[in-house]
C-alpha atoms as a PDB file:
ATOM      1  CA  MET A   1     -90.102 100.501 143.645  1.00  0.00           C
ATOM      2  CA  GLN A   2     -93.185  98.507 144.092  1.00  0.00           C
ATOM      3  CA  ILE A   3     -96.042  98.925 146.005  1.00  0.00           C
ATOM      4  CA  PRO A   4     -95.951  97.497 150.027  1.00  0.00           C
ATOM      5  CA  GLU A   5     -98.298  95.203 150.587  1.00  0.00           C
ATOM      6  CA  ILE A   6     -99.518  96.399 153.245  1.00  0.00           C
ATOM      7  CA  LEU A   7    -100.737  99.332 151.221  1.00  0.00           C
ATOM      8  CA  THR A   8    -102.896  97.016 148.077  1.00  0.00           C
ATOM      9  CA  ASN A   9    -106.454  96.623 148.287  1.00  0.00           C
ATOM     10  CA  GLN A  10    -106.204  93.237 150.107  1.00  0.00           C
ATOM     11  CA  GLN A  11    -104.664  94.872 152.922  1.00  0.00           C
ATOM     12  CA  VAL A  12    -106.592  97.722 153.256  1.00  0.00           C
ATOM     13  CA  GLY A  13    -108.570  96.880 156.781  1.00  0.00           C
ATOM     14  CA  ARG A  14    -105.345  95.921 158.568  1.00  0.00           C
ATOM     15  CA  ALA A  15    -103.728  99.116 157.335  1.00  0.00           C
ATOM     16  CA  ALA A  16    -106.929 100.897 159.350  1.00  0.00           C
ATOM     17  CA  LYS A  17    -106.165  98.820 162.127  1.00  0.00           C
ATOM     18  CA  LEU A  18    -102.380  99.941 162.410  1.00  0.00           C
ATOM     19  CA  LEU A  19    -103.179 103.367 161.931  1.00  0.00           C
ATOM     20  CA  LYS A  20    -105.771 103.531 164.351  1.00  0.00           C
ATOM     21  CA  ASP A  21    -103.971 102.649 167.161  1.00  0.00           C
ATOM     22  CA  TYR A  22    -101.010 104.532 166.277  1.00  0.00           C
ATOM     23  CA  TYR A  23    -103.412 107.121 167.204  1.00  0.00           C
ATOM     24  CA  THR A  24    -105.327 105.463 169.530  1.00  0.00           C
ATOM     25  CA  GLN A  25    -103.746 102.503 171.707  1.00  0.00           C
ATOM     26  CA  PRO A  26    -102.069 103.831 174.482  1.00  0.00           C
ATOM     27  CA  VAL A  27     -98.612 102.324 174.809  1.00  0.00           C
ATOM     28  CA  SER A  28     -96.520 104.172 178.424  1.00  0.00           C
ATOM     29  CA  LYS A  29     -98.243 104.808 181.247  1.00  0.00           C
ATOM     30  CA  GLY A  30    -101.624 105.225 179.635  1.00  0.00           C
ATOM     31  CA  ARG A  31    -100.865 107.303 177.037  1.00  0.00           C
ATOM     32  CA  VAL A  32    -101.140 107.009 173.328  1.00  0.00           C
ATOM     33  CA  ARG A  33     -96.961 107.307 171.569  1.00  0.00           C
ATOM     34  CA  THR A  34     -96.316 110.528 171.122  1.00  0.00           C
ATOM     35  CA  GLY A  35     -95.421 110.548 167.346  1.00  0.00           C
ATOM     36  CA  ALA A  36     -99.774 110.732 167.550  1.00  0.00           C
ATOM     37  CA  ARG A  37     -99.509 114.493 168.574  1.00  0.00           C
ATOM     38  CA  PHE A  38     -96.856 115.309 165.329  1.00  0.00           C
ATOM     39  CA  ASP A  39     -99.516 116.510 163.029  1.00  0.00           C
ATOM     40  CA  SER A  40    -101.696 118.735 165.387  1.00  0.00           C
ATOM     41  CA  TRP A  41     -99.133 119.580 168.326  1.00  0.00           C
ATOM     42  CA  ALA A  42     -99.683 123.777 168.071  1.00  0.00           C
ATOM     43  CA  GLY A  43    -102.263 123.191 165.410  1.00  0.00           C
ATOM     44  CA  GLY A  44    -100.068 122.134 162.846  1.00  0.00           C
ATOM     45  CA  GLY A  45     -96.859 122.813 161.468  1.00  0.00           C
ATOM     46  CA  ASP A  46     -99.008 124.444 158.063  1.00  0.00           C
ATOM     47  CA  ALA A  47    -101.699 126.319 160.412  1.00  0.00           C
ATOM     48  CA  PRO A  48    -101.972 130.062 158.402  1.00  0.00           C
ATOM     49  CA  ASP A  49    -100.229 131.890 160.976  1.00  0.00           C
ATOM     50  CA  VAL A  50     -97.097 130.065 160.650  1.00  0.00           C
ATOM     51  CA  VAL A  51     -97.409 128.316 157.373  1.00  0.00           C
ATOM     52  CA  ASN A  52     -94.367 129.723 156.114  1.00  0.00           C
ATOM     53  CA  ALA A  53     -92.409 129.766 158.855  1.00  0.00           C
ATOM     54  CA  ILE A  54     -90.272 126.876 160.586  1.00  0.00           C
ATOM     55  CA  THR A  55     -90.702 127.625 164.374  1.00  0.00           C
ATOM     56  CA  ALA A  56     -89.949 126.195 167.771  1.00  0.00           C
ATOM     57  CA  ASP A  57     -93.016 124.100 167.493  1.00  0.00           C
ATOM     58  CA  ASP A  58     -92.398 122.479 164.411  1.00  0.00           C
ATOM     59  CA  MET A  59     -88.773 121.430 166.044  1.00  0.00           C
ATOM     60  CA  LEU A  60     -90.672 120.134 168.938  1.00  0.00           C
ATOM     61  CA  ALA A  61     -93.192 118.008 167.425  1.00  0.00           C
ATOM     62  CA  ALA A  62     -90.761 116.332 164.747  1.00  0.00           C
ATOM     63  CA  SER A  63     -89.071 115.184 168.278  1.00  0.00           C
ATOM     64  CA  PHE A  64     -92.062 113.597 168.959  1.00  0.00           C
ATOM     65  CA  LEU A  65     -90.743 111.336 166.257  1.00  0.00           C
ATOM     66  CA  SER A  66     -87.667 110.418 168.115  1.00  0.00           C
ATOM     67  CA  VAL A  67     -85.469 112.643 166.220  1.00  0.00           C
ATOM     68  CA  PRO A  68     -84.246 115.721 168.947  1.00  0.00           C
ATOM     69  CA  PHE A  69     -82.187 118.695 167.369  1.00  0.00           C
ATOM     70  CA  GLU A  70     -78.664 119.875 168.318  1.00  0.00           C
ATOM     71  CA  PRO A  71     -78.649 123.255 169.693  1.00  0.00           C
ATOM     72  CA  ALA A  72     -77.012 124.367 166.323  1.00  0.00           C
ATOM     73  CA  ALA A  73     -79.185 122.699 164.231  1.00  0.00           C
ATOM     74  CA  VAL A  74     -81.882 125.006 166.484  1.00  0.00           C
ATOM     75  CA  ILE A  75     -79.817 128.130 166.158  1.00  0.00           C
ATOM     76  CA  GLY A  76     -79.534 127.552 162.379  1.00  0.00           C
ATOM     77  CA  LEU A  77     -83.007 126.797 161.145  1.00  0.00           C
ATOM     78  CA  LEU A  78     -84.885 129.361 164.272  1.00  0.00           C
ATOM     79  CA  ALA A  79     -82.290 132.279 163.396  1.00  0.00           C
ATOM     80  CA  GLU A  80     -79.484 132.343 161.132  1.00  0.00           C
ATOM     81  CA  ARG A  81     -81.526 130.920 157.872  1.00  0.00           C
ATOM     82  CA  GLN A  82     -85.227 132.045 159.138  1.00  0.00           C
ATOM     83  CA  LEU A  83     -85.286 134.689 156.328  1.00  0.00           C
ATOM     84  CA  ASP A  84     -83.890 131.957 153.656  1.00  0.00           C
ATOM     85  CA  ILE A  85     -86.633 129.347 155.109  1.00  0.00           C
ATOM     86  CA  THR A  86     -89.440 131.604 154.844  1.00  0.00           C
ATOM     87  CA  ALA A  87     -88.859 132.743 151.535  1.00  0.00           C
ATOM     88  CA  LEU A  88     -88.038 129.230 150.394  1.00  0.00           C
ATOM     89  CA  LEU A  89     -91.559 128.238 152.100  1.00  0.00           C
ATOM     90  CA  THR A  90     -93.818 131.099 150.283  1.00  0.00           C
ATOM     91  CA  GLU A  91     -92.624 129.024 147.372  1.00  0.00           C
ATOM     92  CA  ILE A  92     -93.877 125.554 148.379  1.00  0.00           C
ATOM     93  CA  PRO A  93     -97.547 125.284 147.747  1.00  0.00           C
ATOM     94  CA  VAL A  94     -99.285 124.417 150.742  1.00  0.00           C
ATOM     95  CA  ASP A  95    -102.644 123.060 149.532  1.00  0.00           C
ATOM     96  CA  LEU A  96    -101.022 120.560 146.814  1.00  0.00           C
ATOM     97  CA  ASP A  97    -101.323 116.600 147.056  1.00  0.00           C
ATOM     98  CA  LEU A  98     -97.836 115.131 145.941  1.00  0.00           C
ATOM     99  CA  ALA A  99    -100.900 112.469 144.521  1.00  0.00           C
ATOM    100  CA  ASP A 100    -101.740 115.832 142.306  1.00  0.00           C
ATOM    101  CA  VAL A 101     -98.529 116.666 140.916  1.00  0.00           C
ATOM    102  CA  THR A 102     -98.716 116.004 137.196  1.00  0.00           C
ATOM    103  CA  HIS A 103     -95.440 114.914 135.580  1.00  0.00           C
ATOM    104  CA  ASP A 104     -95.019 117.983 134.087  1.00  0.00           C
ATOM    105  CA  ASP A 105     -95.289 119.901 136.673  1.00  0.00           C
ATOM    106  CA  PHE A 106     -92.860 117.503 139.366  1.00  0.00           C
ATOM    107  CA  LYS A 107     -89.356 118.656 138.487  1.00  0.00           C
ATOM    108  CA  ALA A 108     -91.168 123.136 138.664  1.00  0.00           C
ATOM    109  CA  HIS A 109     -92.193 121.771 142.531  1.00  0.00           C
ATOM    110  CA  LEU A 110     -89.984 118.617 143.823  1.00  0.00           C
ATOM    111  CA  GLY A 111     -86.747 118.804 141.355  1.00  0.00           C
ATOM    112  CA  GLU A 112     -83.394 119.534 141.830  1.00  0.00           C
ATOM    113  CA  GLU A 113     -83.618 123.516 141.225  1.00  0.00           C
ATOM    114  CA  SER A 114     -87.029 123.654 142.792  1.00  0.00           C
ATOM    115  CA  PRO A 115     -87.536 125.166 146.313  1.00  0.00           C
ATOM    116  CA  ALA A 116     -88.407 122.154 147.745  1.00  0.00           C
ATOM    117  CA  TRP A 117     -84.917 120.779 147.236  1.00  0.00           C
ATOM    118  CA  LYS A 118     -83.291 124.229 148.128  1.00  0.00           C
ATOM    119  CA  LEU A 119     -85.160 123.909 151.461  1.00  0.00           C
ATOM    120  CA  TRP A 120     -84.214 120.106 152.067  1.00  0.00           C
ATOM    121  CA  ASN A 121     -80.465 121.234 150.994  1.00  0.00           C
ATOM    122  CA  ILE A 122     -80.820 123.992 153.959  1.00  0.00           C
ATOM    123  CA  LEU A 123     -82.243 121.978 156.426  1.00  0.00           C
ATOM    124  CA  ARG A 124     -79.776 119.756 156.210  1.00  0.00           C
ATOM    125  CA  GLY A 125     -77.039 122.023 156.704  1.00  0.00           C
ATOM    126  CA  LYS A 126     -75.577 121.831 153.316  1.00  0.00           C
ATOM    127  CA  GLU A 127     -74.641 125.795 153.248  1.00  0.00           C
ATOM    128  CA  ASP A 128     -73.120 126.058 156.281  1.00  0.00           C
ATOM    129  CA  GLY A 129     -71.157 123.211 157.450  1.00  0.00           C
ATOM    130  CA  GLY A 130     -73.750 120.881 158.435  1.00  0.00           C
ATOM    131  CA  TRP A 131     -75.962 120.934 161.828  1.00  0.00           C
ATOM    132  CA  GLY A 132     -76.424 117.446 162.718  1.00  0.00           C
ATOM    133  CA  ILE A 133     -79.831 117.175 160.721  1.00  0.00           C
ATOM    134  CA  GLY A 134     -80.018 114.273 158.035  1.00  0.00           C
ATOM    135  CA  PRO A 135     -82.508 113.033 155.890  1.00  0.00           C
ATOM    136  CA  THR A 136     -84.527 111.307 158.674  1.00  0.00           C
ATOM    137  CA  ARG A 137     -84.926 115.046 160.567  1.00  0.00           C
ATOM    138  CA  ALA A 138     -85.187 117.168 156.913  1.00  0.00           C
ATOM    139  CA  SER A 139     -87.947 115.278 156.090  1.00  0.00           C
ATOM    140  CA  LYS A 140     -90.050 115.442 158.883  1.00  0.00           C
ATOM    141  CA  LEU A 141     -89.693 119.212 159.231  1.00  0.00           C
ATOM    142  CA  MET A 142     -90.636 119.490 155.693  1.00  0.00           C
ATOM    143  CA  ALA A 143     -93.504 116.993 156.163  1.00  0.00           C
ATOM    144  CA  ARG A 144     -94.032 119.043 159.093  1.00  0.00           C
ATOM    145  CA  LYS A 145     -94.507 122.492 156.925  1.00  0.00           C
ATOM    146  CA  ARG A 146     -96.083 120.789 153.899  1.00  0.00           C
ATOM    147  CA  PRO A 147     -98.027 117.532 155.377  1.00  0.00           C
ATOM    148  CA  ARG A 148     -99.819 117.096 151.494  1.00  0.00           C
ATOM    149  CA  LEU A 149     -96.580 117.091 149.323  1.00  0.00           C
ATOM    150  CA  ILE A 150     -93.520 115.725 151.550  1.00  0.00           C
ATOM    151  CA  PRO A 151     -93.245 112.145 152.926  1.00  0.00           C
ATOM    152  CA  ILE A 152     -91.583 111.413 155.836  1.00  0.00           C
ATOM    153  CA  TRP A 153     -88.142 109.028 155.238  1.00  0.00           C
ATOM    154  CA  ASP A 154     -86.682 106.583 157.774  1.00  0.00           C
ATOM    155  CA  SER A 155     -85.076 103.401 157.840  1.00  0.00           C
ATOM    156  CA  VAL A 156     -87.971 101.651 158.402  1.00  0.00           C
ATOM    157  CA  VAL A 157     -90.032 103.385 155.536  1.00  0.00           C
ATOM    158  CA  GLY A 158     -87.122 102.433 153.390  1.00  0.00           C
ATOM    159  CA  GLU A 159     -86.858  99.012 153.929  1.00  0.00           C
ATOM    160  CA  GLU A 160     -90.740  98.300 153.474  1.00  0.00           C
ATOM    161  CA  ILE A 161     -90.128  99.949 150.398  1.00  0.00           C
ATOM    162  CA  GLY A 162     -86.873  98.438 149.239  1.00  0.00           C
ATOM    163  CA  LEU A 163     -84.726 102.084 149.045  1.00  0.00           C
ATOM    164  CA  LYS A 164     -81.526 102.137 151.311  1.00  0.00           C
ATOM    165  CA  SER A 165     -81.409 105.947 150.570  1.00  0.00           C
ATOM    166  CA  SER A 166     -83.630 108.797 150.393  1.00  0.00           C
ATOM    167  CA  LEU A 167     -82.336 110.538 147.429  1.00  0.00           C
ATOM    168  CA  THR A 168     -84.759 109.240 144.874  1.00  0.00           C
ATOM    169  CA  GLN A 169     -87.570 109.128 147.050  1.00  0.00           C
ATOM    170  CA  TRP A 170     -89.721 112.225 146.013  1.00  0.00           C
ATOM    171  CA  THR A 171     -89.653 110.543 142.660  1.00  0.00           C
ATOM    172  CA  ASP A 172     -90.313 107.180 143.409  1.00  0.00           C
ATOM    173  CA  TRP A 173     -93.555 108.006 145.707  1.00  0.00           C
ATOM    174  CA  HIS A 174     -94.981 110.151 143.023  1.00  0.00           C
ATOM    175  CA  GLU A 175     -94.479 107.477 140.207  1.00  0.00           C
ATOM    176  CA  MET A 176     -96.554 105.088 143.063  1.00  0.00           C
ATOM    177  CA  LEU A 177     -98.871 107.871 143.804  1.00  0.00           C
ATOM    178  CA  THR A 178     -99.948 108.738 139.991  1.00  0.00           C
ATOM    179  CA  GLN A 179    -100.318 105.545 138.871  1.00  0.00           C
ATOM    180  CA  ASP A 180    -103.359 103.447 137.637  1.00  0.00           C
ATOM    181  CA  GLY A 181    -105.507 106.438 137.609  1.00  0.00           C
ATOM    182  CA  LYS A 182    -104.193 107.153 141.356  1.00  0.00           C
ATOM    183  CA  ALA A 183    -105.416 104.123 143.131  1.00  0.00           C
ATOM    184  CA  LEU A 184    -102.707 104.343 145.645  1.00  0.00           C
ATOM    185  CA  ALA A 185    -104.037 107.650 146.949  1.00  0.00           C
ATOM    186  CA  THR A 186    -107.450 106.520 146.986  1.00  0.00           C
ATOM    187  CA  ARG A 187    -106.840 104.228 148.955  1.00  0.00           C
ATOM    188  CA  LEU A 188    -104.849 105.925 151.567  1.00  0.00           C
ATOM    189  CA  ASP A 189    -108.287 107.720 151.723  1.00  0.00           C
ATOM    190  CA  ASN A 190    -110.050 104.697 152.519  1.00  0.00           C
ATOM    191  CA  ILE A 191    -107.961 103.621 155.230  1.00  0.00           C
ATOM    192  CA  ARG A 192    -107.600 106.851 156.670  1.00  0.00           C
ATOM    193  CA  ASP A 193    -111.512 106.987 156.481  1.00  0.00           C
ATOM    194  CA  GLN A 194    -111.603 103.263 158.043  1.00  0.00           C
ATOM    195  CA  ALA A 195    -109.392 104.629 161.011  1.00  0.00           C
ATOM    196  CA  GLU A 196    -111.383 107.262 161.788  1.00  0.00           C
ATOM    197  CA  VAL A 197    -108.588 109.063 162.814  1.00  0.00           C
ATOM    198  CA  PRO A 198    -109.111 111.676 165.810  1.00  0.00           C
ATOM    199  CA  TYR A 199    -106.454 114.362 164.096  1.00  0.00           C
ATOM    200  CA  PRO A 200    -106.654 115.452 160.114  1.00  0.00           C
ATOM    201  CA  VAL A 201    -103.659 113.510 158.441  1.00  0.00           C
ATOM    202  CA  SER A 202    -102.691 113.994 155.071  1.00  0.00           C
ATOM    203  CA  GLN A 203    -102.251 111.184 152.588  1.00  0.00           C
ATOM    204  CA  LEU A 204     -98.634 110.711 153.003  1.00  0.00           C
ATOM    205  CA  ARG A 205     -98.867 110.816 156.892  1.00  0.00           C
ATOM    206  CA  VAL A 206    -101.446 107.687 156.703  1.00  0.00           C
ATOM    207  CA  MET A 207     -98.822 105.787 154.036  1.00  0.00           C
ATOM    208  CA  ASP A 208     -95.913 106.986 156.539  1.00  0.00           C
ATOM    209  CA  VAL A 209     -98.166 105.463 160.161  1.00  0.00           C
ATOM    210  CA  VAL A 210     -99.010 102.351 158.385  1.00  0.00           C
ATOM    211  CA  LEU A 211     -95.703 101.578 157.034  1.00  0.00           C
ATOM    212  CA  TRP A 212     -94.324 102.356 160.565  1.00  0.00           C
ATOM    213  CA  MET A 213     -96.232 100.447 162.594  1.00  0.00           C
ATOM    214  CA  ASN A 214     -95.856  97.713 159.860  1.00  0.00           C
ATOM    215  CA  GLY A 215     -92.391  97.581 159.734  1.00  0.00           C
ATOM    216  CA  THR A 216     -91.898  97.562 163.586  1.00  0.00           C
ATOM    217  CA  ASP A 217     -94.711  95.295 164.338  1.00  0.00           C
ATOM    218  CA  GLY A 218     -96.796  98.151 165.920  1.00  0.00           C
ATOM    219  CA  GLY A 219     -93.553  99.843 167.441  1.00  0.00           C
ATOM    220  CA  ALA A 220     -92.358  97.332 169.151  1.00  0.00           C
ATOM    221  CA  LYS A 221     -89.480  96.701 167.137  1.00  0.00           C
ATOM    222  CA  ALA A 222     -88.909 100.526 166.448  1.00  0.00           C
ATOM    223  CA  PRO A 223     -85.081 102.030 165.629  1.00  0.00           C
ATOM    224  CA  SER A 224     -84.159 104.424 168.338  1.00  0.00           C
ATOM    225  CA  SER A 225     -83.588 108.332 167.494  1.00  0.00           C
ATOM    226  CA  GLU A 226     -81.686 107.717 163.981  1.00  0.00           C
ATOM    227  CA  ASP A 227     -80.472 110.247 161.345  1.00  0.00           C
ATOM    228  CA  GLU A 228     -78.924 108.356 157.848  1.00  0.00           C
ATOM    229  CA  VAL A 229     -76.278 110.243 155.941  1.00  0.00           C
ATOM    230  CA  ALA A 230     -77.794 109.579 152.195  1.00  0.00           C
END
């Protein structure tokens, strides 16, 4: 997987404009797009008092990104699997950037036996017969809880980076963020600084927004509510 052109050094200025437009430009009835509040809604998903629990506000914030949840999913995550989710979130670091995960530590943090992978499977309903959460919804919930470590996945991002499935995305993004002395991670910081985003956003969220804005012509060709099955 190659770094998309919009995230190359030559495109920093354009990427910064896309990021700034996403968070500041009105798109409907004088309001900015709802996704601009995903990161900061109710203080953020990684706020100290809720950092190790998925809350109704987290699910509401994810719905700002055009991914509403079925009632069965709400009950499953907020009630039936609440304790399991909290136990796993407790084991997933909140202050670790994906770019700072060493190759030696990757398996422990994001490998198939890691707490993050186990949480992914719970969110997907793998052990509960499913409740309508595919990789798009699952990634947005995980990104809300661990915005520095877990990237968002959807069909637009997949097309921009040339992946048809979410199955290898953590590995692929880790490779790109850590190669060449973390050049991409540094570039994402530069994009964020130039954009002067009014909310704190992680490197991964910068990456997601820029790719989404680029792939949808600034939101003009955005897909409707989606959730792939891969």
